[in-house]
């Protein structure tokens, strides 16, 4: 996975655990695409301090993932959801013994599509 995408996911999951300064510098660099020098000017600290803060923040985020595994669990659950969605698409009305079962299937399919849509947006 591309580093920026991986780091973005880590911030999505663990960003609230960072300090305000870490989140702000992260946002300025990765989201707003400011250079280290530009951030240093905004924060009124050295470019080296910004570099160190970003690297420390990356290590902190990686440590959270190592301990908690939320991003990994997200990818596993996303894959399972995709498999369930595929299986549901393969079923048709003739596969069900009653109209009620077919309607229940359609409701489940719609709910999973909704959840998958929310998960894909992350």
PDB file of N, CA and C in Angstrom:
ATOM      1  N   UNK A   1       0.856  -1.171   0.000  1.00  0.00           N
ATOM      2  CA  UNK A   1       0.000   0.000   0.000  1.00  0.00           C
ATOM      3  C   UNK A   1       0.906   1.239   0.000  1.00  0.00           C
ATOM      4  N   UNK A   2       0.527   2.216  -0.752  1.00  0.00           N
ATOM      5  CA  UNK A   2       1.271   3.453  -0.826  1.00  0.00           C
ATOM      6  C   UNK A   2       1.390   4.067   0.576  1.00  0.00           C
ATOM      7  N   UNK A   3       2.563   4.657   0.844  1.00  0.00           N
ATOM      8  CA  UNK A   3       2.829   5.181   2.189  1.00  0.00           C
ATOM      9  C   UNK A   3       1.781   6.214   2.608  1.00  0.00           C
ATOM     10  N   UNK A   4       1.460   7.141   1.728  1.00  0.00           N
ATOM     11  CA  UNK A   4       0.494   8.184   2.086  1.00  0.00           C
ATOM     12  C   UNK A   4      -0.866   7.590   2.414  1.00  0.00           C
ATOM     13  N   UNK A   5      -1.312   6.623   1.618  1.00  0.00           N
ATOM     14  CA  UNK A   5      -2.608   5.986   1.877  1.00  0.00           C
ATOM     15  C   UNK A   5      -2.582   5.247   3.208  1.00  0.00           C
ATOM     16  N   UNK A   6      -1.487   4.538   3.469  1.00  0.00           N
ATOM     17  CA  UNK A   6      -1.361   3.805   4.729  1.00  0.00           C
ATOM     18  C   UNK A   6      -1.361   4.772   5.907  1.00  0.00           C
ATOM     19  N   UNK A   7      -0.601   5.846   5.785  1.00  0.00           N
ATOM     20  CA  UNK A   7      -0.537   6.827   6.868  1.00  0.00           C
ATOM     21  C   UNK A   7      -1.898   7.509   7.068  1.00  0.00           C
ATOM     22  N   UNK A   8      -2.594   7.759   5.978  1.00  0.00           N
ATOM     23  CA  UNK A   8      -3.919   8.374   6.086  1.00  0.00           C
ATOM     24  C   UNK A   8      -4.880   7.476   6.851  1.00  0.00           C
ATOM     25  N   UNK A   9      -4.827   6.176   6.564  1.00  0.00           N
ATOM     26  CA  UNK A   9      -5.678   5.239   7.304  1.00  0.00           C
ATOM     27  C   UNK A   9      -5.298   5.212   8.783  1.00  0.00           C
ATOM     28  N   UNK A  10      -4.004   5.218   9.060  1.00  0.00           N
ATOM     29  CA  UNK A  10      -3.569   5.220  10.454  1.00  0.00           C
ATOM     30  C   UNK A  10      -4.092   6.460  11.176  1.00  0.00           C
ATOM     31  N   UNK A  11      -4.036   7.610  10.511  1.00  0.00           N
ATOM     32  CA  UNK A  11      -4.540   8.847  11.129  1.00  0.00           C
ATOM     33  C   UNK A  11      -6.059   8.788  11.276  1.00  0.00           C
ATOM     34  N   UNK A  12      -6.745   8.196  10.295  1.00  0.00           N
ATOM     35  CA  UNK A  12      -8.199   8.057  10.411  1.00  0.00           C
ATOM     36  C   UNK A  12      -8.573   7.282  11.669  1.00  0.00           C
ATOM     37  N   UNK A  13      -7.837   6.214  11.935  1.00  0.00           N
ATOM     38  CA  UNK A  13      -8.156   5.364  13.083  1.00  0.00           C
ATOM     39  C   UNK A  13      -7.584   5.887  14.395  1.00  0.00           C
ATOM     40  N   UNK A  14      -6.359   6.381  14.362  1.00  0.00           N
ATOM     41  CA  UNK A  14      -5.664   6.715  15.607  1.00  0.00           C
ATOM     42  C   UNK A  14      -5.410   8.211  15.799  1.00  0.00           C
ATOM     43  N   UNK A  15      -5.829   9.034  14.855  1.00  0.00           N
ATOM     44  CA  UNK A  15      -5.609  10.477  14.945  1.00  0.00           C
ATOM     45  C   UNK A  15      -6.068  11.104  16.247  1.00  0.00           C
ATOM     46  N   UNK A  16      -7.221  10.698  16.786  1.00  0.00           N
ATOM     47  CA  UNK A  16      -7.664  11.297  18.053  1.00  0.00           C
ATOM     48  C   UNK A  16      -6.710  11.027  19.222  1.00  0.00           C
ATOM     49  N   UNK A  17      -5.823  10.052  19.066  1.00  0.00           N
ATOM     50  CA  UNK A  17      -4.871   9.747  20.132  1.00  0.00           C
ATOM     51  C   UNK A  17      -3.613  10.618  20.056  1.00  0.00           C
ATOM     52  N   UNK A  18      -3.469  11.367  18.967  1.00  0.00           N
ATOM     53  CA  UNK A  18      -2.322  12.256  18.811  1.00  0.00           C
ATOM     54  C   UNK A  18      -2.569  13.572  19.539  1.00  0.00           C
ATOM     55  N   UNK A  19      -1.482  14.285  19.807  1.00  0.00           N
ATOM     56  CA  UNK A  19      -1.619  15.619  20.404  1.00  0.00           C
ATOM     57  C   UNK A  19      -2.141  16.582  19.343  1.00  0.00           C
ATOM     58  N   UNK A  20      -2.627  17.723  19.777  1.00  0.00           N
ATOM     59  CA  UNK A  20      -3.101  18.735  18.828  1.00  0.00           C
ATOM     60  C   UNK A  20      -1.987  19.158  17.880  1.00  0.00           C
ATOM     61  N   UNK A  21      -0.793  19.343  18.417  1.00  0.00           N
ATOM     62  CA  UNK A  21       0.342  19.764  17.581  1.00  0.00           C
ATOM     63  C   UNK A  21       0.679  18.688  16.549  1.00  0.00           C
ATOM     64  N   UNK A  22       0.708  17.423  16.962  1.00  0.00           N
ATOM     65  CA  UNK A  22       0.991  16.343  16.021  1.00  0.00           C
ATOM     66  C   UNK A  22      -0.056  16.300  14.913  1.00  0.00           C
ATOM     67  N   UNK A  23      -1.329  16.401  15.292  1.00  0.00           N
ATOM     68  CA  UNK A  23      -2.407  16.382  14.289  1.00  0.00           C
ATOM     69  C   UNK A  23      -2.300  17.572  13.355  1.00  0.00           C
ATOM     70  N   UNK A  24      -2.018  18.748  13.901  1.00  0.00           N
ATOM     71  CA  UNK A  24      -1.928  19.961  13.090  1.00  0.00           C
ATOM     72  C   UNK A  24      -0.779  19.874  12.089  1.00  0.00           C
ATOM     73  N   UNK A  25       0.398  19.481  12.542  1.00  0.00           N
ATOM     74  CA  UNK A  25       1.550  19.370  11.652  1.00  0.00           C
ATOM     75  C   UNK A  25       1.303  18.279  10.613  1.00  0.00           C
ATOM     76  N   UNK A  26       0.700  17.177  11.034  1.00  0.00           N
ATOM     77  CA  UNK A  26       0.356  16.103  10.105  1.00  0.00           C
ATOM     78  C   UNK A  26      -0.563  16.625   9.003  1.00  0.00           C
ATOM     79  N   UNK A  27      -1.594  17.350   9.413  1.00  0.00           N
ATOM     80  CA  UNK A  27      -2.552  17.900   8.455  1.00  0.00           C
ATOM     81  C   UNK A  27      -1.867  18.870   7.493  1.00  0.00           C
ATOM     82  N   UNK A  28      -1.049  19.756   8.017  1.00  0.00           N
ATOM     83  CA  UNK A  28      -0.366  20.726   7.159  1.00  0.00           C
ATOM     84  C   UNK A  28       0.523  20.041   6.128  1.00  0.00           C
ATOM     85  N   UNK A  29       1.209  18.993   6.538  1.00  0.00           N
ATOM     86  CA  UNK A  29       2.148  18.330   5.626  1.00  0.00           C
ATOM     87  C   UNK A  29       1.451  17.368   4.662  1.00  0.00           C
ATOM     88  N   UNK A  30       0.636  16.474   5.192  1.00  0.00           N
ATOM     89  CA  UNK A  30       0.062  15.418   4.354  1.00  0.00           C
ATOM     90  C   UNK A  30      -1.261  15.790   3.697  1.00  0.00           C
ATOM     91  N   UNK A  31      -2.060  16.578   4.346  1.00  0.00           N
ATOM     92  CA  UNK A  31      -3.360  16.931   3.772  1.00  0.00           C
ATOM     93  C   UNK A  31      -3.293  18.230   2.963  1.00  0.00           C
ATOM     94  N   UNK A  32      -2.566  19.222   3.491  1.00  0.00           N
ATOM     95  CA  UNK A  32      -2.497  20.499   2.801  1.00  0.00           C
ATOM     96  C   UNK A  32      -1.242  20.637   1.939  1.00  0.00           C
ATOM     97  N   UNK A  33      -0.386  19.619   1.997  1.00  0.00           N
ATOM     98  CA  UNK A  33       0.801  19.516   1.142  1.00  0.00           C
ATOM     99  C   UNK A  33       1.783  20.676   1.306  1.00  0.00           C
ATOM    100  N   UNK A  34       1.927  21.164   2.537  1.00  0.00           N
ATOM    101  CA  UNK A  34       2.924  22.204   2.787  1.00  0.00           C
ATOM    102  C   UNK A  34       4.292  21.556   2.982  1.00  0.00           C
ATOM    103  N   UNK A  35       5.326  22.275   2.593  1.00  0.00           N
ATOM    104  CA  UNK A  35       6.679  21.771   2.786  1.00  0.00           C
ATOM    105  C   UNK A  35       7.067  21.889   4.261  1.00  0.00           C
ATOM    106  N   UNK A  36       8.159  21.221   4.620  1.00  0.00           N
ATOM    107  CA  UNK A  36       8.641  21.315   6.002  1.00  0.00           C
ATOM    108  C   UNK A  36       8.990  22.760   6.349  1.00  0.00           C
ATOM    109  N   UNK A  37       9.587  23.469   5.400  1.00  0.00           N
ATOM    110  CA  UNK A  37       9.952  24.873   5.639  1.00  0.00           C
ATOM    111  C   UNK A  37       8.710  25.743   5.861  1.00  0.00           C
ATOM    112  N   UNK A  38       7.674  25.495   5.072  1.00  0.00           N
ATOM    113  CA  UNK A  38       6.435  26.274   5.228  1.00  0.00           C
ATOM    114  C   UNK A  38       5.780  25.988   6.583  1.00  0.00           C
ATOM    115  N   UNK A  39       5.780  24.735   6.978  1.00  0.00           N
ATOM    116  CA  UNK A  39       5.199  24.381   8.278  1.00  0.00           C
ATOM    117  C   UNK A  39       6.026  24.983   9.402  1.00  0.00           C
ATOM    118  N   UNK A  40       7.339  24.930   9.258  1.00  0.00           N
ATOM    119  CA  UNK A  40       8.230  25.507  10.273  1.00  0.00           C
ATOM    120  C   UNK A  40       7.940  26.986  10.458  1.00  0.00           C
ATOM    121  N   UNK A  41       7.671  27.675   9.370  1.00  0.00           N
ATOM    122  CA  UNK A  41       7.341  29.098   9.453  1.00  0.00           C
ATOM    123  C   UNK A  41       6.009  29.314  10.181  1.00  0.00           C
ATOM    124  N   UNK A  42       5.018  28.509   9.840  1.00  0.00           N
ATOM    125  CA  UNK A  42       3.702  28.615  10.478  1.00  0.00           C
ATOM    126  C   UNK A  42       3.802  28.304  11.972  1.00  0.00           C
ATOM    127  N   UNK A  43       4.524  27.249  12.308  1.00  0.00           N
ATOM    128  CA  UNK A  43       4.627  26.802  13.701  1.00  0.00           C
ATOM    129  C   UNK A  43       5.702  27.551  14.494  1.00  0.00           C
ATOM    130  N   UNK A  44       6.507  28.320  13.783  1.00  0.00           N
ATOM    131  CA  UNK A  44       7.591  29.091  14.392  1.00  0.00           C
ATOM    132  C   UNK A  44       8.586  28.199  15.144  1.00  0.00           C
ATOM    133  N   UNK A  45       8.926  27.075  14.487  1.00  0.00           N
ATOM    134  CA  UNK A  45       9.981  26.196  14.982  1.00  0.00           C
ATOM    135  C   UNK A  45      10.835  25.791  13.784  1.00  0.00           C
ATOM    136  N   UNK A  46      11.928  25.117  14.029  1.00  0.00           N
ATOM    137  CA  UNK A  46      12.848  24.787  12.938  1.00  0.00           C
ATOM    138  C   UNK A  46      12.279  23.710  12.013  1.00  0.00           C
ATOM    139  N   UNK A  47      12.818  23.704  10.806  1.00  0.00           N
ATOM    140  CA  UNK A  47      12.453  22.686   9.825  1.00  0.00           C
ATOM    141  C   UNK A  47      12.801  21.299  10.363  1.00  0.00           C
ATOM    142  N   UNK A  48      13.946  21.193  11.030  1.00  0.00           N
ATOM    143  CA  UNK A  48      14.364  19.915  11.600  1.00  0.00           C
ATOM    144  C   UNK A  48      13.381  19.443  12.674  1.00  0.00           C
ATOM    145  N   UNK A  49      12.870  20.375  13.473  1.00  0.00           N
ATOM    146  CA  UNK A  49      11.896  20.013  14.505  1.00  0.00           C
ATOM    147  C   UNK A  49      10.617  19.478  13.865  1.00  0.00           C
ATOM    148  N   UNK A  50      10.203  20.072  12.749  1.00  0.00           N
ATOM    149  CA  UNK A  50       9.016  19.593  12.026  1.00  0.00           C
ATOM    150  C   UNK A  50       9.283  18.193  11.488  1.00  0.00           C
ATOM    151  N   UNK A  51      10.448  18.001  10.888  1.00  0.00           N
ATOM    152  CA  UNK A  51      10.823  16.684  10.362  1.00  0.00           C
ATOM    153  C   UNK A  51      10.786  15.641  11.476  1.00  0.00           C
ATOM    154  N   UNK A  52      11.395  15.947  12.601  1.00  0.00           N
ATOM    155  CA  UNK A  52      11.418  15.022  13.733  1.00  0.00           C
ATOM    156  C   UNK A  52      10.012  14.723  14.252  1.00  0.00           C
ATOM    157  N   UNK A  53       9.182  15.759  14.325  1.00  0.00           N
ATOM    158  CA  UNK A  53       7.806  15.584  14.801  1.00  0.00           C
ATOM    159  C   UNK A  53       7.016  14.659  13.871  1.00  0.00           C
ATOM    160  N   UNK A  54       7.181  14.844  12.567  1.00  0.00           N
ATOM    161  CA  UNK A  54       6.474  13.987  11.609  1.00  0.00           C
ATOM    162  C   UNK A  54       6.944  12.535  11.715  1.00  0.00           C
ATOM    163  N   UNK A  55       8.238  12.320  11.820  1.00  0.00           N
ATOM    164  CA  UNK A  55       8.768  10.950  11.939  1.00  0.00           C
ATOM    165  C   UNK A  55       8.319  10.310  13.247  1.00  0.00           C
ATOM    166  N   UNK A  56       8.344  11.071  14.329  1.00  0.00           N
ATOM    167  CA  UNK A  56       7.895  10.561  15.627  1.00  0.00           C
ATOM    168  C   UNK A  56       6.412  10.210  15.566  1.00  0.00           C
ATOM    169  N   UNK A  57       5.630  11.045  14.902  1.00  0.00           N
ATOM    170  CA  UNK A  57       4.196  10.794  14.755  1.00  0.00           C
ATOM    171  C   UNK A  57       3.956   9.516  13.949  1.00  0.00           C
ATOM    172  N   UNK A  58       4.728   9.314  12.893  1.00  0.00           N
ATOM    173  CA  UNK A  58       4.608   8.077  12.105  1.00  0.00           C
ATOM    174  C   UNK A  58       4.914   6.858  12.959  1.00  0.00           C
ATOM    175  N   UNK A  59       5.953   6.947  13.787  1.00  0.00           N
ATOM    176  CA  UNK A  59       6.297   5.821  14.673  1.00  0.00           C
ATOM    177  C   UNK A  59       5.194   5.577  15.701  1.00  0.00           C
ATOM    178  N   UNK A  60       4.626   6.647  16.216  1.00  0.00           N
ATOM    179  CA  UNK A  60       3.539   6.522  17.199  1.00  0.00           C
ATOM    180  C   UNK A  60       2.334   5.825  16.561  1.00  0.00           C
ATOM    181  N   UNK A  61       1.962   6.269  15.363  1.00  0.00           N
ATOM    182  CA  UNK A  61       0.822   5.670  14.666  1.00  0.00           C
ATOM    183  C   UNK A  61       1.080   4.196  14.352  1.00  0.00           C
ATOM    184  N   UNK A  62       2.280   3.889  13.897  1.00  0.00           N
ATOM    185  CA  UNK A  62       2.636   2.495  13.606  1.00  0.00           C
ATOM    186  C   UNK A  62       2.592   1.661  14.885  1.00  0.00           C
ATOM    187  N   UNK A  63       3.006   2.248  15.991  1.00  0.00           N
ATOM    188  CA  UNK A  63       2.958   1.540  17.273  1.00  0.00           C
ATOM    189  C   UNK A  63       1.535   1.242  17.705  1.00  0.00           C
ATOM    190  N   UNK A  64       0.642   2.206  17.520  1.00  0.00           N
ATOM    191  CA  UNK A  64      -0.763   1.967  17.844  1.00  0.00           C
ATOM    192  C   UNK A  64      -1.309   0.814  17.013  1.00  0.00           C
ATOM    193  N   UNK A  65      -0.977   0.815  15.711  1.00  0.00           N
ATOM    194  CA  UNK A  65      -1.479  -0.254  14.845  1.00  0.00           C
ATOM    195  C   UNK A  65      -0.903  -1.598  15.271  1.00  0.00           C
ATOM    196  N   UNK A  66       0.354  -1.612  15.627  1.00  0.00           N
ATOM    197  CA  UNK A  66       0.982  -2.862  16.071  1.00  0.00           C
ATOM    198  C   UNK A  66       0.284  -3.414  17.314  1.00  0.00           C
ATOM    199  N   UNK A  67      -0.089  -2.527  18.228  1.00  0.00           N
ATOM    200  CA  UNK A  67      -0.727  -2.954  19.473  1.00  0.00           C
ATOM    201  C   UNK A  67      -2.218  -3.238  19.305  1.00  0.00           C
ATOM    202  N   UNK A  68      -2.903  -2.409  18.535  1.00  0.00           N
ATOM    203  CA  UNK A  68      -4.365  -2.505  18.454  1.00  0.00           C
ATOM    204  C   UNK A  68      -4.880  -3.193  17.184  1.00  0.00           C
ATOM    205  N   UNK A  69      -4.179  -3.045  16.092  1.00  0.00           N
ATOM    206  CA  UNK A  69      -4.540  -3.727  14.852  1.00  0.00           C
ATOM    207  C   UNK A  69      -5.862  -3.313  14.228  1.00  0.00           C
ATOM    208  N   UNK A  70      -6.300  -2.090  14.453  1.00  0.00           N
ATOM    209  CA  UNK A  70      -7.601  -1.670  13.925  1.00  0.00           C
ATOM    210  C   UNK A  70      -7.622  -1.563  12.402  1.00  0.00           C
ATOM    211  N   UNK A  71      -6.539  -1.083  11.811  1.00  0.00           N
ATOM    212  CA  UNK A  71      -6.500  -0.956  10.352  1.00  0.00           C
ATOM    213  C   UNK A  71      -6.497  -2.339   9.711  1.00  0.00           C
ATOM    214  N   UNK A  72      -5.707  -3.246  10.257  1.00  0.00           N
ATOM    215  CA  UNK A  72      -5.680  -4.611   9.737  1.00  0.00           C
ATOM    216  C   UNK A  72      -7.055  -5.263   9.850  1.00  0.00           C
ATOM    217  N   UNK A  73      -7.694  -5.074  10.992  1.00  0.00           N
ATOM    218  CA  UNK A  73      -9.034  -5.640  11.183  1.00  0.00           C
ATOM    219  C   UNK A  73     -10.023  -5.020  10.196  1.00  0.00           C
ATOM    220  N   UNK A  74      -9.886  -3.720   9.950  1.00  0.00           N
ATOM    221  CA  UNK A  74     -10.723  -3.033   8.971  1.00  0.00           C
ATOM    222  C   UNK A  74     -10.598  -3.692   7.603  1.00  0.00           C
ATOM    223  N   UNK A  75      -9.358  -3.983   7.146  1.00  0.00           N
ATOM    224  CA  UNK A  75      -9.154  -4.597   5.829  1.00  0.00           C
ATOM    225  C   UNK A  75      -9.711  -6.012   5.775  1.00  0.00           C
ATOM    226  N   UNK A  76      -9.553  -6.769   6.858  1.00  0.00           N
ATOM    227  CA  UNK A  76     -10.091  -8.130   6.898  1.00  0.00           C
ATOM    228  C   UNK A  76     -11.617  -8.095   6.824  1.00  0.00           C
ATOM    229  N   UNK A  77     -12.225  -7.222   7.620  1.00  0.00           N
ATOM    230  CA  UNK A  77     -13.693  -7.113   7.624  1.00  0.00           C
ATOM    231  C   UNK A  77     -14.208  -6.600   6.286  1.00  0.00           C
ATOM    232  N   UNK A  78     -13.490  -5.693   5.677  1.00  0.00           N
ATOM    233  CA  UNK A  78     -13.870  -5.167   4.365  1.00  0.00           C
ATOM    234  C   UNK A  78     -13.859  -6.296   3.332  1.00  0.00           C
ATOM    235  N   UNK A  79     -12.839  -7.139   3.374  1.00  0.00           N
ATOM    236  CA  UNK A  79     -12.747  -8.267   2.448  1.00  0.00           C
ATOM    237  C   UNK A  79     -13.907  -9.244   2.664  1.00  0.00           C
ATOM    238  N   UNK A  80     -14.216  -9.536   3.918  1.00  0.00           N
ATOM    239  CA  UNK A  80     -15.341 -10.426   4.219  1.00  0.00           C
ATOM    240  C   UNK A  80     -16.645  -9.831   3.687  1.00  0.00           C
ATOM    241  N   UNK A  81     -16.828  -8.554   3.871  1.00  0.00           N
ATOM    242  CA  UNK A  81     -18.033  -7.877   3.402  1.00  0.00           C
ATOM    243  C   UNK A  81     -18.137  -7.960   1.883  1.00  0.00           C
ATOM    244  N   UNK A  82     -17.020  -7.810   1.194  1.00  0.00           N
ATOM    245  CA  UNK A  82     -17.018  -7.934  -0.265  1.00  0.00           C
ATOM    246  C   UNK A  82     -17.413  -9.349  -0.691  1.00  0.00           C
ATOM    247  N   UNK A  83     -16.936 -10.350   0.037  1.00  0.00           N
ATOM    248  CA  UNK A  83     -17.280 -11.742  -0.277  1.00  0.00           C
ATOM    249  C   UNK A  83     -18.770 -12.010  -0.046  1.00  0.00           C
ATOM    250  N   UNK A  84     -19.306 -11.505   1.052  1.00  0.00           N
ATOM    251  CA  UNK A  84     -20.736 -11.668   1.335  1.00  0.00           C
ATOM    252  C   UNK A  84     -21.557 -10.970   0.255  1.00  0.00           C
ATOM    253  N   UNK A  85     -21.144  -9.790  -0.122  1.00  0.00           N
ATOM    254  CA  UNK A  85     -21.850  -9.040  -1.153  1.00  0.00           C
ATOM    255  C   UNK A  85     -21.866  -9.825  -2.475  1.00  0.00           C
ATOM    256  N   UNK A  86     -20.755 -10.431  -2.818  1.00  0.00           N
ATOM    257  CA  UNK A  86     -20.663 -11.244  -4.040  1.00  0.00           C
ATOM    258  C   UNK A  86     -21.603 -12.444  -3.968  1.00  0.00           C
ATOM    259  N   UNK A  87     -21.612 -13.122  -2.824  1.00  0.00           N
ATOM    260  CA  UNK A  87     -22.503 -14.281  -2.661  1.00  0.00           C
ATOM    261  C   UNK A  87     -23.967 -13.876  -2.763  1.00  0.00           C
ATOM    262  N   UNK A  88     -24.317 -12.749  -2.169  1.00  0.00           N
ATOM    263  CA  UNK A  88     -25.706 -12.294  -2.236  1.00  0.00           C
ATOM    264  C   UNK A  88     -26.132 -11.970  -3.664  1.00  0.00           C
ATOM    265  N   UNK A  89     -25.208 -11.414  -4.442  1.00  0.00           N
ATOM    266  CA  UNK A  89     -25.530 -11.064  -5.827  1.00  0.00           C
ATOM    267  C   UNK A  89     -25.801 -12.304  -6.678  1.00  0.00           C
ATOM    268  N   UNK A  90     -25.216 -13.437  -6.279  1.00  0.00           N
ATOM    269  CA  UNK A  90     -25.390 -14.669  -7.044  1.00  0.00           C
ATOM    270  C   UNK A  90     -26.753 -15.323  -6.813  1.00  0.00           C
ATOM    271  N   UNK A  91     -27.447 -14.943  -5.760  1.00  0.00           N
ATOM    272  CA  UNK A  91     -28.759 -15.517  -5.465  1.00  0.00           C
ATOM    273  C   UNK A  91     -29.845 -14.798  -6.248  1.00  0.00           C
ATOM    274  N   UNK A  92     -30.864 -15.558  -6.645  1.00  0.00           N
ATOM    275  CA  UNK A  92     -32.009 -14.939  -7.304  1.00  0.00           C
ATOM    276  C   UNK A  92     -33.291 -15.462  -6.657  1.00  0.00           C
ATOM    277  N   UNK A  93     -34.400 -14.938  -7.074  1.00  0.00           N
ATOM    278  CA  UNK A  93     -35.687 -15.233  -6.425  1.00  0.00           C
ATOM    279  C   UNK A  93     -36.017 -16.727  -6.423  1.00  0.00           C
ATOM    280  N   UNK A  94     -35.603 -17.447  -7.440  1.00  0.00           N
ATOM    281  CA  UNK A  94     -35.910 -18.872  -7.528  1.00  0.00           C
ATOM    282  C   UNK A  94     -35.148 -19.698  -6.473  1.00  0.00           C
ATOM    283  N   UNK A  95     -34.119 -19.122  -5.876  1.00  0.00           N
ATOM    284  CA  UNK A  95     -33.336 -19.828  -4.859  1.00  0.00           C
ATOM    285  C   UNK A  95     -34.040 -19.849  -3.500  1.00  0.00           C
ATOM    286  N   UNK A  96     -35.145 -19.147  -3.376  1.00  0.00           N
ATOM    287  CA  UNK A  96     -35.837 -19.047  -2.089  1.00  0.00           C
ATOM    288  C   UNK A  96     -37.176 -19.769  -2.129  1.00  0.00           C
ATOM    289  N   UNK A  97     -37.526 -20.355  -0.992  1.00  0.00           N
ATOM    290  CA  UNK A  97     -38.752 -21.159  -0.925  1.00  0.00           C
ATOM    291  C   UNK A  97     -40.010 -20.307  -0.754  1.00  0.00           C
ATOM    292  N   UNK A  98     -39.828 -19.066  -0.356  1.00  0.00           N
ATOM    293  CA  UNK A  98     -41.009 -18.217  -0.164  1.00  0.00           C
ATOM    294  C   UNK A  98     -40.673 -16.766  -0.538  1.00  0.00           C
ATOM    295  N   UNK A  99     -41.735 -16.032  -0.797  1.00  0.00           N
ATOM    296  CA  UNK A  99     -41.589 -14.618  -1.123  1.00  0.00           C
ATOM    297  C   UNK A  99     -41.022 -13.853   0.073  1.00  0.00           C
ATOM    298  N   UNK A 100     -41.400 -14.245   1.280  1.00  0.00           N
ATOM    299  CA  UNK A 100     -40.914 -13.590   2.499  1.00  0.00           C
ATOM    300  C   UNK A 100     -39.397 -13.755   2.608  1.00  0.00           C
ATOM    301  N   UNK A 101     -38.888 -14.959   2.320  1.00  0.00           N
ATOM    302  CA  UNK A 101     -37.438 -15.208   2.378  1.00  0.00           C
ATOM    303  C   UNK A 101     -36.709 -14.366   1.333  1.00  0.00           C
ATOM    304  N   UNK A 102     -37.288 -14.258   0.133  1.00  0.00           N
ATOM    305  CA  UNK A 102     -36.691 -13.438  -0.925  1.00  0.00           C
ATOM    306  C   UNK A 102     -36.645 -11.969  -0.513  1.00  0.00           C
ATOM    307  N   UNK A 103     -37.732 -11.473   0.057  1.00  0.00           N
ATOM    308  CA  UNK A 103     -37.773 -10.072   0.500  1.00  0.00           C
ATOM    309  C   UNK A 103     -36.767  -9.822   1.624  1.00  0.00           C
ATOM    310  N   UNK A 104     -36.625 -10.783   2.514  1.00  0.00           N
ATOM    311  CA  UNK A 104     -35.635 -10.679   3.586  1.00  0.00           C
ATOM    312  C   UNK A 104     -34.225 -10.621   2.981  1.00  0.00           C
ATOM    313  N   UNK A 105     -33.967 -11.457   2.007  1.00  0.00           N
ATOM    314  CA  UNK A 105     -32.681 -11.453   1.304  1.00  0.00           C
ATOM    315  C   UNK A 105     -32.416 -10.081   0.689  1.00  0.00           C
ATOM    316  N   UNK A 106     -33.418  -9.519   0.048  1.00  0.00           N
ATOM    317  CA  UNK A 106     -33.250  -8.224  -0.592  1.00  0.00           C
ATOM    318  C   UNK A 106     -32.948  -7.127   0.436  1.00  0.00           C
ATOM    319  N   UNK A 107     -33.606  -7.195   1.599  1.00  0.00           N
ATOM    320  CA  UNK A 107     -33.331  -6.218   2.658  1.00  0.00           C
ATOM    321  C   UNK A 107     -31.897  -6.348   3.159  1.00  0.00           C
ATOM    322  N   UNK A 108     -31.463  -7.574   3.372  1.00  0.00           N
ATOM    323  CA  UNK A 108     -30.088  -7.814   3.823  1.00  0.00           C
ATOM    324  C   UNK A 108     -29.104  -7.299   2.783  1.00  0.00           C
ATOM    325  N   UNK A 109     -29.385  -7.592   1.534  1.00  0.00           N
ATOM    326  CA  UNK A 109     -28.515  -7.152   0.443  1.00  0.00           C
ATOM    327  C   UNK A 109     -28.416  -5.625   0.413  1.00  0.00           C
ATOM    328  N   UNK A 110     -29.531  -4.958   0.572  1.00  0.00           N
ATOM    329  CA  UNK A 110     -29.543  -3.492   0.586  1.00  0.00           C
ATOM    330  C   UNK A 110     -28.743  -2.945   1.769  1.00  0.00           C
ATOM    331  N   UNK A 111     -28.928  -3.543   2.938  1.00  0.00           N
ATOM    332  CA  UNK A 111     -28.183  -3.083   4.121  1.00  0.00           C
ATOM    333  C   UNK A 111     -26.677  -3.288   3.943  1.00  0.00           C
ATOM    334  N   UNK A 112     -26.291  -4.417   3.391  1.00  0.00           N
ATOM    335  CA  UNK A 112     -24.861  -4.669   3.174  1.00  0.00           C
ATOM    336  C   UNK A 112     -24.300  -3.707   2.133  1.00  0.00           C
ATOM    337  N   UNK A 113     -25.072  -3.426   1.090  1.00  0.00           N
ATOM    338  CA  UNK A 113     -24.632  -2.432   0.112  1.00  0.00           C
ATOM    339  C   UNK A 113     -24.422  -1.071   0.775  1.00  0.00           C
ATOM    340  N   UNK A 114     -25.319  -0.698   1.685  1.00  0.00           N
ATOM    341  CA  UNK A 114     -25.186   0.567   2.401  1.00  0.00           C
ATOM    342  C   UNK A 114     -23.926   0.589   3.254  1.00  0.00           C
ATOM    343  N   UNK A 115     -23.689  -0.484   4.004  1.00  0.00           N
ATOM    344  CA  UNK A 115     -22.495  -0.569   4.850  1.00  0.00           C
ATOM    345  C   UNK A 115     -21.247  -0.569   3.987  1.00  0.00           C
ATOM    346  N   UNK A 116     -21.263  -1.329   2.907  1.00  0.00           N
ATOM    347  CA  UNK A 116     -20.102  -1.399   2.030  1.00  0.00           C
ATOM    348  C   UNK A 116     -19.819  -0.021   1.426  1.00  0.00           C
ATOM    349  N   UNK A 117     -20.860   0.714   1.088  1.00  0.00           N
ATOM    350  CA  UNK A 117     -20.683   2.066   0.573  1.00  0.00           C
ATOM    351  C   UNK A 117     -20.002   2.969   1.570  1.00  0.00           C
ATOM    352  N   UNK A 118     -20.369   2.831   2.854  1.00  0.00           N
ATOM    353  CA  UNK A 118     -19.730   3.632   3.898  1.00  0.00           C
ATOM    354  C   UNK A 118     -18.286   3.203   4.101  1.00  0.00           C
ATOM    355  N   UNK A 119     -18.025   1.898   4.056  1.00  0.00           N
ATOM    356  CA  UNK A 119     -16.670   1.374   4.252  1.00  0.00           C
ATOM    357  C   UNK A 119     -15.779   1.772   3.097  1.00  0.00           C
ATOM    358  N   UNK A 120     -16.300   1.743   1.883  1.00  0.00           N
ATOM    359  CA  UNK A 120     -15.500   2.096   0.703  1.00  0.00           C
ATOM    360  C   UNK A 120     -15.108   3.560   0.707  1.00  0.00           C
ATOM    361  N   UNK A 121     -15.914   4.377   1.360  1.00  0.00           N
ATOM    362  CA  UNK A 121     -15.623   5.812   1.394  1.00  0.00           C
ATOM    363  C   UNK A 121     -14.454   6.135   2.305  1.00  0.00           C
ATOM    364  N   UNK A 122     -14.082   5.201   3.169  1.00  0.00           N
ATOM    365  CA  UNK A 122     -12.978   5.455   4.110  1.00  0.00           C
ATOM    366  C   UNK A 122     -11.658   5.390   3.388  1.00  0.00           C
TER     367      UNK A 122
END
